[in-house]
Protein backbone atom coordinates (compact mmCIF):
# COMPACT_ATOMS: atom_id res chain seq x y z
CA GLN A 1 -13.51 23.35 -7.60
CA VAL A 2 -11.23 22.47 -4.69
CA GLN A 3 -8.15 24.35 -3.60
CA LEU A 4 -5.46 22.56 -1.63
CA VAL A 5 -2.58 24.25 0.14
CA GLU A 6 0.21 22.20 1.71
CA ALA A 7 2.52 23.35 4.46
CA GLY A 8 5.07 21.91 6.84
CA GLY A 9 7.85 20.74 4.59
CA GLY A 10 11.48 21.43 5.38
CA LEU A 11 14.82 19.96 6.30
CA VAL A 12 15.09 17.29 8.96
CA GLN A 13 17.76 14.84 10.04
CA ALA A 14 17.35 11.17 9.33
CA GLY A 15 15.35 9.62 12.13
CA GLY A 16 13.52 12.85 12.79
CA SER A 17 9.90 13.85 12.29
CA LEU A 18 7.85 16.32 10.30
CA ARG A 19 4.14 17.00 10.07
CA LEU A 20 2.66 18.12 6.80
CA SER A 21 -0.71 19.78 6.58
CA CYS A 22 -3.08 20.34 3.69
CA ALA A 23 -5.90 22.85 3.97
CA ALA A 24 -8.83 22.34 1.63
CA SER A 25 -11.35 24.90 0.47
CA GLY A 26 -13.99 25.26 -2.17
CA ARG A 27 -16.05 22.18 -1.41
CA THR A 28 -17.44 20.57 1.70
CA PHE A 29 -14.51 18.78 3.28
CA SER A 30 -16.66 15.86 4.37
CA THR A 31 -17.27 14.97 0.73
CA LEU A 32 -13.57 14.58 -0.06
CA ASN A 33 -11.30 11.58 0.05
CA MET A 34 -7.78 12.83 0.68
CA GLY A 35 -4.39 11.50 -0.29
CA TRP A 36 -0.71 12.25 0.02
CA PHE A 37 1.73 11.53 -2.78
CA ARG A 38 5.41 12.25 -3.24
CA GLN A 39 7.72 12.73 -6.16
CA PRO A 40 11.44 12.19 -5.62
CA PRO A 41 13.84 13.91 -8.01
CA GLY A 42 13.82 12.25 -11.41
CA LYS A 43 11.11 9.77 -10.46
CA GLU A 44 7.39 9.41 -10.93
CA ARG A 45 4.86 10.58 -8.42
CA GLU A 46 3.99 7.80 -5.99
CA PHE A 47 1.27 7.09 -3.50
CA VAL A 48 2.03 7.61 0.19
CA ALA A 49 -1.22 7.54 2.15
CA ALA A 50 -4.95 8.15 1.87
CA ILE A 51 -7.92 8.68 4.14
CA THR A 52 -11.56 8.30 3.26
CA ARG A 53 -13.97 11.18 3.56
CA SER A 54 -15.48 9.68 6.68
CA GLY A 55 -12.05 9.36 8.20
CA GLY A 56 -12.87 5.76 8.85
CA MET A 57 -10.36 4.12 6.56
CA THR A 58 -6.71 4.82 5.96
CA TYR A 59 -4.30 3.34 3.43
CA TYR A 60 -0.52 3.43 3.25
CA SER A 61 2.21 2.42 0.89
CA ASP A 62 4.46 -0.34 2.17
CA SER A 63 7.40 2.03 2.26
CA VAL A 64 5.84 4.29 4.89
CA LYS A 65 3.57 1.93 6.79
CA GLY A 66 4.33 2.07 10.49
CA ARG A 67 6.23 5.37 10.18
CA PHE A 68 3.71 7.78 8.66
CA THR A 69 0.19 8.54 9.85
CA ILE A 70 -2.52 10.29 7.90
CA SER A 71 -5.32 12.02 9.77
CA SER A 72 -7.97 14.64 9.15
CA ASP A 73 -9.65 17.41 11.10
CA SER A 74 -13.02 18.25 9.59
CA ALA A 75 -13.40 21.32 11.81
CA LYS A 76 -10.30 22.79 10.17
CA ASN A 77 -10.83 21.29 6.70
CA THR A 78 -7.32 19.96 6.98
CA VAL A 79 -5.56 16.67 6.44
CA TYR A 80 -2.22 15.88 8.05
CA LEU A 81 0.68 13.57 7.36
CA GLN A 82 2.75 12.84 10.44
CA MET A 83 6.10 11.50 9.28
CA ASN A 84 8.28 9.78 11.87
CA ARG A 85 11.63 8.01 11.60
CA LEU A 86 12.37 9.73 8.33
CA LYS A 87 14.83 7.93 6.10
CA PRO A 88 17.25 9.06 3.38
CA GLU A 89 14.84 7.62 0.79
CA ASP A 90 11.94 9.82 1.93
CA PRO A 91 13.02 13.17 0.44
CA ALA A 92 10.64 14.39 -2.24
CA VAL A 93 8.08 16.99 -3.09
CA TYR A 94 5.00 15.93 -1.18
CA TYR A 95 1.61 16.61 -2.73
CA CYS A 96 -1.84 16.63 -1.25
CA ALA A 97 -4.69 15.40 -3.43
CA ALA A 98 -8.45 15.15 -3.17
CA ASP A 99 -11.37 13.53 -4.91
CA GLN A 100 -14.99 12.83 -4.16
CA SER A 101 -14.69 9.25 -5.30
CA TYR A 102 -13.88 6.61 -2.73
CA ARG A 103 -12.06 4.81 -5.53
CA ALA A 104 -9.30 7.41 -5.28
CA ALA A 105 -8.52 6.50 -1.69
CA LEU A 106 -8.88 2.80 -2.36
CA THR A 107 -6.61 2.56 -5.41
CA GLY A 108 -3.96 5.17 -4.60
CA ARG A 109 -3.63 5.97 -8.30
CA THR A 110 -2.76 9.54 -9.24
CA ILE A 111 -5.22 9.43 -12.13
CA GLU A 112 -8.11 8.94 -9.70
CA TYR A 113 -7.54 12.28 -7.98
CA SER A 114 -9.08 15.41 -9.47
CA TYR A 115 -7.51 18.07 -7.28
CA TRP A 116 -3.88 18.66 -6.35
CA GLY A 117 -1.93 21.04 -4.20
CA GLN A 118 1.26 22.79 -5.27
CA GLY A 119 3.52 20.53 -3.21
CA THR A 120 5.91 21.02 -0.34
CA GLN A 121 9.55 19.96 -0.26
CA VAL A 122 10.83 17.49 2.30
CA THR A 123 14.57 17.06 2.64
CA VAL A 124 16.28 14.53 4.89
CA SER A 125 19.91 14.91 5.87
CA SER A 126 21.94 11.88 6.83
């Protein structure tokens, strides 16, 4: 079993930055492929970014590519999502997810991830 705890959400002005973190426990961090998803109000959960367990590969949705950066720190068992140049369309509950399968990181599909955090709210003011 894997436990994921997100932190770092909040209110930021459009054009500003936030860094989300997700601390993992319960399984060796190096065995986990990690992802970030978001769910805007009234919409389905969507893929944002993923990083493979080796940290060697990263994947991004087109909507955040060039603005968001996913990274991991194995010493802290933590994955980060640095969000820059936030836009009015970025507000959502952001979720951290994990799975041992590389397929999860590669496909970005919610169904591929076995473990989920509770989410953290990101709000962008215009």
